[in-house]
């Protein structure tokens, strides 16, 4: 399974009554499939997965598989706090037709979570999973990090095909690329370091920013592949600024607002996440306007 390219981390749109707007979710997917994205992730951090009920999460997994996706790879987020629940979610995703699962680190009992805990957890999931899995380290949300020795050890498992590393640490990408098996695939989760990540051994990226600016994220990857590094570096500087304002500072609300500006169905986040203040909206609108024109919804 080759994971090169840019994947969008899908958001979850809601109706005014707070229920999930599955038609809007499918409409977003249809537009993403017209871009050069390699695929999309359902139920990742950007999808507010921790704020969804089990039934809501299931409805999104089903809806995504119902949308025609010729040549695109759909990845299911299946990580949970317990190993047993993670296995159950991963098996369910496989039964629905997903070919790859993204499994975040457990994080609640941080003092007890030493290296041996993560090795046992991920190996148990990989042993039981009918489909390959991606490790997912996202310390900004979980407060825990998969370090290089743990990643390299887990990379030896035949059913663990790669990692999404959202730490933004380029040194870790360099170390893992040098020490892990050559077929182990590294994806960055940070649009702010795309170009240096590719130069350091990452093969692709799963990005929140690609939900609002898929074209620009794909363009940077294409520039890298063609060896146009000066152009890639210039675009990287723009995307780093956009990522900081829209994703890091704006959080889910920022991503969704930027999507609205581009004609996608973004909308409001779910409480306890709050909508954007007007000042942040203006800053995001300025940045989006510099990178891509506003697009009316069909």
C-alpha atoms as a PDB file:
ATOM      1  CA  UNK A   1       0.000   0.000   0.000  1.00  0.00           C
ATOM      2  CA  UNK A   2       1.561   3.269  -1.175  1.00  0.00           C
ATOM      3  CA  UNK A   3       0.598   6.356   0.797  1.00  0.00           C
ATOM      4  CA  UNK A   4       2.391   9.089  -1.149  1.00  0.00           C
ATOM      5  CA  UNK A   5       0.472  12.320  -1.588  1.00  0.00           C
ATOM      6  CA  UNK A   6      -1.817  14.626   0.340  1.00  0.00           C
ATOM      7  CA  UNK A   7      -4.813  13.386   2.321  1.00  0.00           C
ATOM      8  CA  UNK A   8      -7.520  15.664   3.668  1.00  0.00           C
ATOM      9  CA  UNK A   9      -8.517  15.277   7.322  1.00  0.00           C
ATOM     10  CA  UNK A  10     -12.292  15.504   6.925  1.00  0.00           C
ATOM     11  CA  UNK A  11     -14.439  17.759   9.095  1.00  0.00           C
ATOM     12  CA  UNK A  12     -17.923  16.928  10.376  1.00  0.00           C
ATOM     13  CA  UNK A  13     -20.683  19.356   9.310  1.00  0.00           C
ATOM     14  CA  UNK A  14     -23.748  19.827  11.526  1.00  0.00           C
ATOM     15  CA  UNK A  15     -27.307  20.975  10.938  1.00  0.00           C
ATOM     16  CA  UNK A  16     -28.833  23.817  12.950  1.00  0.00           C
ATOM     17  CA  UNK A  17     -30.280  21.304  15.416  1.00  0.00           C
ATOM     18  CA  UNK A  18     -26.805  19.889  16.055  1.00  0.00           C
ATOM     19  CA  UNK A  19     -27.246  16.624  14.172  1.00  0.00           C
ATOM     20  CA  UNK A  20     -24.729  15.562  11.546  1.00  0.00           C
ATOM     21  CA  UNK A  21     -25.414  16.881   8.032  1.00  0.00           C
ATOM     22  CA  UNK A  22     -24.540  13.782   6.031  1.00  0.00           C
ATOM     23  CA  UNK A  23     -25.548  15.355   2.710  1.00  0.00           C
ATOM     24  CA  UNK A  24     -23.097  18.203   3.322  1.00  0.00           C
ATOM     25  CA  UNK A  25     -20.435  15.687   4.326  1.00  0.00           C
ATOM     26  CA  UNK A  26     -20.916  13.836   1.043  1.00  0.00           C
ATOM     27  CA  UNK A  27     -20.910  17.097  -0.921  1.00  0.00           C
ATOM     28  CA  UNK A  28     -17.537  17.981   0.572  1.00  0.00           C
ATOM     29  CA  UNK A  29     -16.185  14.573  -0.361  1.00  0.00           C
ATOM     30  CA  UNK A  30     -17.401  14.954  -3.932  1.00  0.00           C
ATOM     31  CA  UNK A  31     -15.419  18.192  -4.268  1.00  0.00           C
ATOM     32  CA  UNK A  32     -12.300  16.713  -2.699  1.00  0.00           C
ATOM     33  CA  UNK A  33     -12.438  13.845  -5.175  1.00  0.00           C
ATOM     34  CA  UNK A  34     -12.200  16.368  -8.021  1.00  0.00           C
ATOM     35  CA  UNK A  35      -8.829  17.581  -6.719  1.00  0.00           C
ATOM     36  CA  UNK A  36      -5.427  15.926  -6.745  1.00  0.00           C
ATOM     37  CA  UNK A  37      -5.802  14.639  -3.189  1.00  0.00           C
ATOM     38  CA  UNK A  38      -4.645  11.055  -2.704  1.00  0.00           C
ATOM     39  CA  UNK A  39      -7.569  10.426  -0.363  1.00  0.00           C
ATOM     40  CA  UNK A  40      -9.275  11.436   2.862  1.00  0.00           C
ATOM     41  CA  UNK A  41      -9.389  10.479   6.534  1.00  0.00           C
ATOM     42  CA  UNK A  42     -12.741   9.915   8.231  1.00  0.00           C
ATOM     43  CA  UNK A  43     -12.964  10.335  12.030  1.00  0.00           C
ATOM     44  CA  UNK A  44      -9.610  11.982  12.581  1.00  0.00           C
ATOM     45  CA  UNK A  45      -8.915  14.787  15.039  1.00  0.00           C
ATOM     46  CA  UNK A  46     -10.181  17.404  12.570  1.00  0.00           C
ATOM     47  CA  UNK A  47     -13.452  15.485  12.308  1.00  0.00           C
ATOM     48  CA  UNK A  48     -14.178  16.134  16.015  1.00  0.00           C
ATOM     49  CA  UNK A  49     -14.176  12.372  16.494  1.00  0.00           C
ATOM     50  CA  UNK A  50     -13.933  12.634  20.294  1.00  0.00           C
ATOM     51  CA  UNK A  51     -17.146  14.705  20.343  1.00  0.00           C
ATOM     52  CA  UNK A  52     -19.237  12.197  18.372  1.00  0.00           C
ATOM     53  CA  UNK A  53     -21.433   9.382  19.637  1.00  0.00           C
ATOM     54  CA  UNK A  54     -20.778   5.846  18.451  1.00  0.00           C
ATOM     55  CA  UNK A  55     -23.823   6.047  16.191  1.00  0.00           C
ATOM     56  CA  UNK A  56     -22.683   9.334  14.669  1.00  0.00           C
ATOM     57  CA  UNK A  57     -19.222   7.954  13.993  1.00  0.00           C
ATOM     58  CA  UNK A  58     -20.742   4.912  12.310  1.00  0.00           C
ATOM     59  CA  UNK A  59     -22.950   7.114  10.115  1.00  0.00           C
ATOM     60  CA  UNK A  60     -19.913   9.033   8.843  1.00  0.00           C
ATOM     61  CA  UNK A  61     -17.991   5.854   8.069  1.00  0.00           C
ATOM     62  CA  UNK A  62     -20.945   4.507   6.113  1.00  0.00           C
ATOM     63  CA  UNK A  63     -21.617   7.789   4.294  1.00  0.00           C
ATOM     64  CA  UNK A  64     -18.023   8.102   3.150  1.00  0.00           C
ATOM     65  CA  UNK A  65     -18.031   4.596   1.699  1.00  0.00           C
ATOM     66  CA  UNK A  66     -21.275   5.373  -0.145  1.00  0.00           C
ATOM     67  CA  UNK A  67     -19.592   8.216  -2.036  1.00  0.00           C
ATOM     68  CA  UNK A  68     -17.868   7.249  -5.321  1.00  0.00           C
ATOM     69  CA  UNK A  69     -14.110   7.533  -4.808  1.00  0.00           C
ATOM     70  CA  UNK A  70     -12.362   6.237  -7.899  1.00  0.00           C
ATOM     71  CA  UNK A  71      -8.629   6.186  -7.313  1.00  0.00           C
ATOM     72  CA  UNK A  72      -8.870   7.734  -3.847  1.00  0.00           C
ATOM     73  CA  UNK A  73      -7.981   6.032  -0.570  1.00  0.00           C
ATOM     74  CA  UNK A  74     -10.306   6.377   2.417  1.00  0.00           C
ATOM     75  CA  UNK A  75      -8.691   5.952   5.832  1.00  0.00           C
ATOM     76  CA  UNK A  76     -10.749   5.307   8.974  1.00  0.00           C
ATOM     77  CA  UNK A  77      -9.769   6.737  12.344  1.00  0.00           C
ATOM     78  CA  UNK A  78     -10.273   3.881  14.799  1.00  0.00           C
ATOM     79  CA  UNK A  79      -8.183   4.735  17.854  1.00  0.00           C
ATOM     80  CA  UNK A  80      -9.755   4.465  21.300  1.00  0.00           C
ATOM     81  CA  UNK A  81      -8.548   4.484  24.895  1.00  0.00           C
ATOM     82  CA  UNK A  82      -8.771   0.731  25.368  1.00  0.00           C
ATOM     83  CA  UNK A  83      -7.056  -1.850  23.206  1.00  0.00           C
ATOM     84  CA  UNK A  84     -10.248  -3.905  23.006  1.00  0.00           C
ATOM     85  CA  UNK A  85     -12.333  -0.988  21.719  1.00  0.00           C
ATOM     86  CA  UNK A  86      -9.647  -0.012  19.232  1.00  0.00           C
ATOM     87  CA  UNK A  87      -9.660  -3.561  17.856  1.00  0.00           C
ATOM     88  CA  UNK A  88     -13.458  -3.569  17.647  1.00  0.00           C
ATOM     89  CA  UNK A  89     -13.535  -0.229  15.818  1.00  0.00           C
ATOM     90  CA  UNK A  90     -10.819  -1.324  13.430  1.00  0.00           C
ATOM     91  CA  UNK A  91     -12.627  -4.551  12.616  1.00  0.00           C
ATOM     92  CA  UNK A  92     -15.827  -2.599  11.997  1.00  0.00           C
ATOM     93  CA  UNK A  93     -14.040  -0.247   9.601  1.00  0.00           C
ATOM     94  CA  UNK A  94     -12.644  -3.238   7.754  1.00  0.00           C
ATOM     95  CA  UNK A  95     -16.122  -4.773   7.502  1.00  0.00           C
ATOM     96  CA  UNK A  96     -17.366  -1.531   5.920  1.00  0.00           C
ATOM     97  CA  UNK A  97     -14.667  -1.774   3.263  1.00  0.00           C
ATOM     98  CA  UNK A  98     -11.926   0.474   4.597  1.00  0.00           C
ATOM     99  CA  UNK A  99      -8.435  -0.590   3.592  1.00  0.00           C
ATOM    100  CA  UNK A 100      -6.426   1.285   6.219  1.00  0.00           C
ATOM    101  CA  UNK A 101      -6.957   2.385   9.839  1.00  0.00           C
ATOM    102  CA  UNK A 102      -5.425   5.390  11.588  1.00  0.00           C
ATOM    103  CA  UNK A 103      -4.865   4.528  15.262  1.00  0.00           C
ATOM    104  CA  UNK A 104      -4.087   7.338  17.692  1.00  0.00           C
ATOM    105  CA  UNK A 105      -2.206   6.794  20.921  1.00  0.00           C
ATOM    106  CA  UNK A 106      -4.195   6.167  24.106  1.00  0.00           C
ATOM    107  CA  UNK A 107      -3.499   9.080  26.430  1.00  0.00           C
ATOM    108  CA  UNK A 108      -5.785   9.272  29.474  1.00  0.00           C
ATOM    109  CA  UNK A 109      -3.596   7.396  31.981  1.00  0.00           C
ATOM    110  CA  UNK A 110      -0.428   9.250  31.005  1.00  0.00           C
ATOM    111  CA  UNK A 111       1.676   8.396  34.097  1.00  0.00           C
ATOM    112  CA  UNK A 112       1.246   4.686  33.392  1.00  0.00           C
ATOM    113  CA  UNK A 113       1.851   4.873  29.650  1.00  0.00           C
ATOM    114  CA  UNK A 114       5.495   3.896  29.229  1.00  0.00           C
ATOM    115  CA  UNK A 115       7.068   2.520  26.053  1.00  0.00           C
ATOM    116  CA  UNK A 116       6.044  -1.046  26.818  1.00  0.00           C
ATOM    117  CA  UNK A 117       2.397   0.043  27.014  1.00  0.00           C
ATOM    118  CA  UNK A 118       2.411   1.454  23.499  1.00  0.00           C
ATOM    119  CA  UNK A 119       4.332  -1.487  22.092  1.00  0.00           C
ATOM    120  CA  UNK A 120       1.844  -3.945  23.586  1.00  0.00           C
ATOM    121  CA  UNK A 121      -1.183  -1.853  22.533  1.00  0.00           C
ATOM    122  CA  UNK A 122      -0.205  -1.351  18.918  1.00  0.00           C
ATOM    123  CA  UNK A 123       1.063  -4.890  18.419  1.00  0.00           C
ATOM    124  CA  UNK A 124      -2.177  -6.263  19.830  1.00  0.00           C
ATOM    125  CA  UNK A 125      -4.235  -4.073  17.492  1.00  0.00           C
ATOM    126  CA  UNK A 126      -2.073  -4.943  14.502  1.00  0.00           C
ATOM    127  CA  UNK A 127      -2.275  -8.658  15.288  1.00  0.00           C
ATOM    128  CA  UNK A 128      -6.072  -8.558  15.421  1.00  0.00           C
ATOM    129  CA  UNK A 129      -6.722  -6.106  12.590  1.00  0.00           C
ATOM    130  CA  UNK A 130      -7.912  -7.432   9.204  1.00  0.00           C
ATOM    131  CA  UNK A 131      -6.444  -4.308   7.565  1.00  0.00           C
ATOM    132  CA  UNK A 132      -3.094  -2.495   7.865  1.00  0.00           C
ATOM    133  CA  UNK A 133      -2.790   0.265  10.446  1.00  0.00           C
ATOM    134  CA  UNK A 134      -1.085   3.634  10.655  1.00  0.00           C
ATOM    135  CA  UNK A 135       0.338   4.772  13.970  1.00  0.00           C
ATOM    136  CA  UNK A 136      -0.914   8.229  14.920  1.00  0.00           C
ATOM    137  CA  UNK A 137       1.096  10.476  17.227  1.00  0.00           C
ATOM    138  CA  UNK A 138      -0.620  13.816  17.904  1.00  0.00           C
ATOM    139  CA  UNK A 139       0.934  15.238  21.088  1.00  0.00           C
ATOM    140  CA  UNK A 140      -0.759  18.638  20.811  1.00  0.00           C
ATOM    141  CA  UNK A 141      -4.079  16.920  21.603  1.00  0.00           C
ATOM    142  CA  UNK A 142      -3.052  13.829  23.566  1.00  0.00           C
ATOM    143  CA  UNK A 143      -0.086  15.147  25.529  1.00  0.00           C
ATOM    144  CA  UNK A 144       1.901  12.001  24.704  1.00  0.00           C
ATOM    145  CA  UNK A 145       4.368  11.310  21.914  1.00  0.00           C
ATOM    146  CA  UNK A 146       5.524   8.199  20.128  1.00  0.00           C
ATOM    147  CA  UNK A 147       9.298   8.516  20.241  1.00  0.00           C
ATOM    148  CA  UNK A 148      11.736   7.220  17.641  1.00  0.00           C
ATOM    149  CA  UNK A 149      12.686   3.933  19.409  1.00  0.00           C
ATOM    150  CA  UNK A 150       8.989   3.011  19.832  1.00  0.00           C
ATOM    151  CA  UNK A 151       8.145   3.855  16.221  1.00  0.00           C
ATOM    152  CA  UNK A 152      11.110   1.907  14.876  1.00  0.00           C
ATOM    153  CA  UNK A 153      10.234  -1.135  16.990  1.00  0.00           C
ATOM    154  CA  UNK A 154       6.595  -1.042  15.875  1.00  0.00           C
ATOM    155  CA  UNK A 155       7.630  -0.572  12.241  1.00  0.00           C
ATOM    156  CA  UNK A 156       8.887  -4.155  12.265  1.00  0.00           C
ATOM    157  CA  UNK A 157       5.307  -5.442  12.547  1.00  0.00           C
ATOM    158  CA  UNK A 158       4.065  -6.572   9.117  1.00  0.00           C
ATOM    159  CA  UNK A 159       0.617  -5.042   9.646  1.00  0.00           C
ATOM    160  CA  UNK A 160       1.890  -1.612  10.723  1.00  0.00           C
ATOM    161  CA  UNK A 161       2.621   0.178   7.469  1.00  0.00           C
ATOM    162  CA  UNK A 162       3.443   3.694   8.603  1.00  0.00           C
ATOM    163  CA  UNK A 163       2.825   6.632  10.886  1.00  0.00           C
ATOM    164  CA  UNK A 164       1.097   9.970  10.838  1.00  0.00           C
ATOM    165  CA  UNK A 165       3.403  12.124  12.931  1.00  0.00           C
ATOM    166  CA  UNK A 166       1.715  15.387  13.903  1.00  0.00           C
ATOM    167  CA  UNK A 167       4.477  16.525  16.247  1.00  0.00           C
ATOM    168  CA  UNK A 168       6.064  18.776  13.619  1.00  0.00           C
ATOM    169  CA  UNK A 169       9.481  17.432  14.676  1.00  0.00           C
ATOM    170  CA  UNK A 170      11.609  17.078  11.550  1.00  0.00           C
ATOM    171  CA  UNK A 171      14.388  15.338  13.478  1.00  0.00           C
ATOM    172  CA  UNK A 172      12.016  12.477  14.299  1.00  0.00           C
ATOM    173  CA  UNK A 173      11.169  12.025  10.616  1.00  0.00           C
ATOM    174  CA  UNK A 174      14.882  11.902   9.779  1.00  0.00           C
ATOM    175  CA  UNK A 175      15.553   9.341  12.507  1.00  0.00           C
ATOM    176  CA  UNK A 176      12.626   7.072  11.630  1.00  0.00           C
ATOM    177  CA  UNK A 177      13.372   7.227   7.903  1.00  0.00           C
ATOM    178  CA  UNK A 178      16.952   6.160   8.625  1.00  0.00           C
ATOM    179  CA  UNK A 179      16.181   3.378  11.103  1.00  0.00           C
ATOM    180  CA  UNK A 180      12.814   1.850  10.137  1.00  0.00           C
ATOM    181  CA  UNK A 181      12.348  -0.698   7.339  1.00  0.00           C
ATOM    182  CA  UNK A 182      12.415   0.964   3.923  1.00  0.00           C
ATOM    183  CA  UNK A 183       8.763   0.126   3.252  1.00  0.00           C
ATOM    184  CA  UNK A 184       7.602   1.895   6.427  1.00  0.00           C
ATOM    185  CA  UNK A 185       5.831   5.071   5.321  1.00  0.00           C
ATOM    186  CA  UNK A 186       5.945   8.393   7.131  1.00  0.00           C
ATOM    187  CA  UNK A 187       3.187  10.975   6.759  1.00  0.00           C
ATOM    188  CA  UNK A 188       3.388  14.377   8.412  1.00  0.00           C
ATOM    189  CA  UNK A 189       0.340  15.943   9.995  1.00  0.00           C
ATOM    190  CA  UNK A 190       1.680  19.491   9.869  1.00  0.00           C
ATOM    191  CA  UNK A 191       1.229  21.752   6.842  1.00  0.00           C
ATOM    192  CA  UNK A 192       3.770  24.117   8.353  1.00  0.00           C
ATOM    193  CA  UNK A 193       6.634  21.692   7.659  1.00  0.00           C
ATOM    194  CA  UNK A 194       5.539  19.970   4.457  1.00  0.00           C
ATOM    195  CA  UNK A 195       8.581  20.772   2.350  1.00  0.00           C
ATOM    196  CA  UNK A 196      11.191  19.939   5.017  1.00  0.00           C
ATOM    197  CA  UNK A 197       9.220  16.794   5.892  1.00  0.00           C
ATOM    198  CA  UNK A 198       9.376  15.583   2.281  1.00  0.00           C
ATOM    199  CA  UNK A 199      13.093  16.368   2.180  1.00  0.00           C
ATOM    200  CA  UNK A 200      13.582  14.366   5.378  1.00  0.00           C
ATOM    201  CA  UNK A 201      11.826  11.187   4.272  1.00  0.00           C
ATOM    202  CA  UNK A 202       8.068  11.731   4.579  1.00  0.00           C
ATOM    203  CA  UNK A 203       6.111  10.364   1.626  1.00  0.00           C
ATOM    204  CA  UNK A 204       2.948  12.349   2.149  1.00  0.00           C
ATOM    205  CA  UNK A 205       0.734  14.182   4.611  1.00  0.00           C
ATOM    206  CA  UNK A 206      -2.659  14.066   6.304  1.00  0.00           C
ATOM    207  CA  UNK A 207      -3.662  17.672   6.810  1.00  0.00           C
ATOM    208  CA  UNK A 208      -6.440  19.703   8.390  1.00  0.00           C
ATOM    209  CA  UNK A 209      -5.417  22.551   6.085  1.00  0.00           C
ATOM    210  CA  UNK A 210      -6.195  20.347   3.084  1.00  0.00           C
ATOM    211  CA  UNK A 211      -9.860  20.466   4.074  1.00  0.00           C
ATOM    212  CA  UNK A 212      -9.900  24.171   3.192  1.00  0.00           C
ATOM    213  CA  UNK A 213      -6.983  24.493   0.763  1.00  0.00           C
ATOM    214  CA  UNK A 214      -6.567  21.090  -0.890  1.00  0.00           C
ATOM    215  CA  UNK A 215      -5.301  22.539  -4.153  1.00  0.00           C
ATOM    216  CA  UNK A 216      -2.402  24.432  -2.568  1.00  0.00           C
ATOM    217  CA  UNK A 217      -1.366  21.493  -0.405  1.00  0.00           C
ATOM    218  CA  UNK A 218      -1.355  19.214  -3.457  1.00  0.00           C
ATOM    219  CA  UNK A 219       0.541  21.845  -5.452  1.00  0.00           C
ATOM    220  CA  UNK A 220       3.369  21.880  -2.936  1.00  0.00           C
ATOM    221  CA  UNK A 221       3.687  18.105  -3.115  1.00  0.00           C
ATOM    222  CA  UNK A 222       3.733  18.244  -6.916  1.00  0.00           C
ATOM    223  CA  UNK A 223       6.432  20.931  -6.876  1.00  0.00           C
ATOM    224  CA  UNK A 224       8.501  18.736  -4.577  1.00  0.00           C
ATOM    225  CA  UNK A 225       8.118  15.713  -6.845  1.00  0.00           C
ATOM    226  CA  UNK A 226       9.204  17.744  -9.884  1.00  0.00           C
ATOM    227  CA  UNK A 227      12.271  19.038  -8.066  1.00  0.00           C
ATOM    228  CA  UNK A 228      11.092  22.650  -8.168  1.00  0.00           C
ATOM    229  CA  UNK A 229      12.388  23.352  -4.707  1.00  0.00           C
ATOM    230  CA  UNK A 230      12.586  27.138  -4.894  1.00  0.00           C
ATOM    231  CA  UNK A 231       8.910  27.303  -5.856  1.00  0.00           C
ATOM    232  CA  UNK A 232       8.063  24.710  -3.208  1.00  0.00           C
ATOM    233  CA  UNK A 233       9.851  26.690  -0.518  1.00  0.00           C
ATOM    234  CA  UNK A 234       8.024  29.871  -1.500  1.00  0.00           C
ATOM    235  CA  UNK A 235       4.658  28.110  -1.320  1.00  0.00           C
ATOM    236  CA  UNK A 236       5.694  26.473   1.960  1.00  0.00           C
ATOM    237  CA  UNK A 237       6.140  29.881   3.535  1.00  0.00           C
ATOM    238  CA  UNK A 238       2.593  30.814   2.535  1.00  0.00           C
ATOM    239  CA  UNK A 239       1.143  27.544   3.784  1.00  0.00           C
ATOM    240  CA  UNK A 240       3.028  27.794   7.069  1.00  0.00           C
ATOM    241  CA  UNK A 241       1.408  31.157   7.725  1.00  0.00           C
ATOM    242  CA  UNK A 242      -1.992  29.837   6.677  1.00  0.00           C
ATOM    243  CA  UNK A 243      -1.625  26.750   8.866  1.00  0.00           C
ATOM    244  CA  UNK A 244      -0.652  28.801  11.897  1.00  0.00           C
ATOM    245  CA  UNK A 245      -3.609  31.167  11.571  1.00  0.00           C
ATOM    246  CA  UNK A 246      -6.286  28.749  10.373  1.00  0.00           C
ATOM    247  CA  UNK A 247      -5.355  25.498  12.129  1.00  0.00           C
ATOM    248  CA  UNK A 248      -3.092  26.223  15.103  1.00  0.00           C
ATOM    249  CA  UNK A 249      -4.800  29.425  16.254  1.00  0.00           C
ATOM    250  CA  UNK A 250      -8.264  28.894  14.767  1.00  0.00           C
ATOM    251  CA  UNK A 251      -8.542  25.204  15.674  1.00  0.00           C
ATOM    252  CA  UNK A 252     -11.554  23.300  14.270  1.00  0.00           C
ATOM    253  CA  UNK A 253     -13.601  26.496  14.037  1.00  0.00           C
ATOM    254  CA  UNK A 254     -10.857  28.096  11.957  1.00  0.00           C
ATOM    255  CA  UNK A 255     -10.680  25.186   9.533  1.00  0.00           C
ATOM    256  CA  UNK A 256     -14.448  25.162   9.139  1.00  0.00           C
ATOM    257  CA  UNK A 257     -14.638  28.897   8.559  1.00  0.00           C
ATOM    258  CA  UNK A 258     -11.912  28.722   5.915  1.00  0.00           C
ATOM    259  CA  UNK A 259     -13.902  25.919   4.284  1.00  0.00           C
ATOM    260  CA  UNK A 260     -17.000  28.125   4.230  1.00  0.00           C
ATOM    261  CA  UNK A 261     -15.008  30.817   2.448  1.00  0.00           C
ATOM    262  CA  UNK A 262     -13.997  28.265  -0.203  1.00  0.00           C
ATOM    263  CA  UNK A 263     -17.536  27.035  -0.797  1.00  0.00           C
ATOM    264  CA  UNK A 264     -17.244  23.830   1.226  1.00  0.00           C
ATOM    265  CA  UNK A 265     -19.680  22.950   3.995  1.00  0.00           C
ATOM    266  CA  UNK A 266     -17.783  23.941   7.123  1.00  0.00           C
ATOM    267  CA  UNK A 267     -20.172  25.428   9.637  1.00  0.00           C
ATOM    268  CA  UNK A 268     -19.755  25.627  13.380  1.00  0.00           C
ATOM    269  CA  UNK A 269     -17.876  23.244  15.646  1.00  0.00           C
ATOM    270  CA  UNK A 270     -19.643  21.277  18.370  1.00  0.00           C
ATOM    271  CA  UNK A 271     -19.624  22.509  21.950  1.00  0.00           C
ATOM    272  CA  UNK A 272     -17.519  22.838  24.019  1.00  0.00           C
ATOM    273  CA  UNK A 273     -15.577  24.184  21.000  1.00  0.00           C
ATOM    274  CA  UNK A 274     -16.610  27.773  20.344  1.00  0.00           C
ATOM    275  CA  UNK A 275     -17.181  29.703  17.109  1.00  0.00           C
ATOM    276  CA  UNK A 276     -14.557  32.167  15.927  1.00  0.00           C
ATOM    277  CA  UNK A 277     -14.452  35.766  17.078  1.00  0.00           C
ATOM    278  CA  UNK A 278     -14.911  38.330  14.307  1.00  0.00           C
ATOM    279  CA  UNK A 279     -11.273  39.429  14.450  1.00  0.00           C
ATOM    280  CA  UNK A 280     -10.062  35.880  13.761  1.00  0.00           C
ATOM    281  CA  UNK A 281     -12.548  35.537  10.907  1.00  0.00           C
ATOM    282  CA  UNK A 282     -11.110  38.627   9.261  1.00  0.00           C
ATOM    283  CA  UNK A 283      -7.550  37.335   9.561  1.00  0.00           C
ATOM    284  CA  UNK A 284      -8.496  33.968   8.080  1.00  0.00           C
ATOM    285  CA  UNK A 285     -10.456  35.603   5.267  1.00  0.00           C
ATOM    286  CA  UNK A 286      -7.430  37.700   4.359  1.00  0.00           C
ATOM    287  CA  UNK A 287      -5.109  34.695   4.212  1.00  0.00           C
ATOM    288  CA  UNK A 288      -7.533  32.509   2.274  1.00  0.00           C
ATOM    289  CA  UNK A 289      -8.149  35.334  -0.189  1.00  0.00           C
ATOM    290  CA  UNK A 290      -4.424  35.594  -0.887  1.00  0.00           C
ATOM    291  CA  UNK A 291      -4.112  31.871  -1.633  1.00  0.00           C
ATOM    292  CA  UNK A 292      -7.341  30.817  -3.325  1.00  0.00           C
ATOM    293  CA  UNK A 293     -10.454  32.595  -4.615  1.00  0.00           C
ATOM    294  CA  UNK A 294     -13.752  32.149  -2.836  1.00  0.00           C
ATOM    295  CA  UNK A 295     -15.908  29.495  -4.491  1.00  0.00           C
ATOM    296  CA  UNK A 296     -19.702  29.459  -4.373  1.00  0.00           C
ATOM    297  CA  UNK A 297     -21.357  26.209  -3.399  1.00  0.00           C
ATOM    298  CA  UNK A 298     -23.005  24.284  -6.192  1.00  0.00           C
END
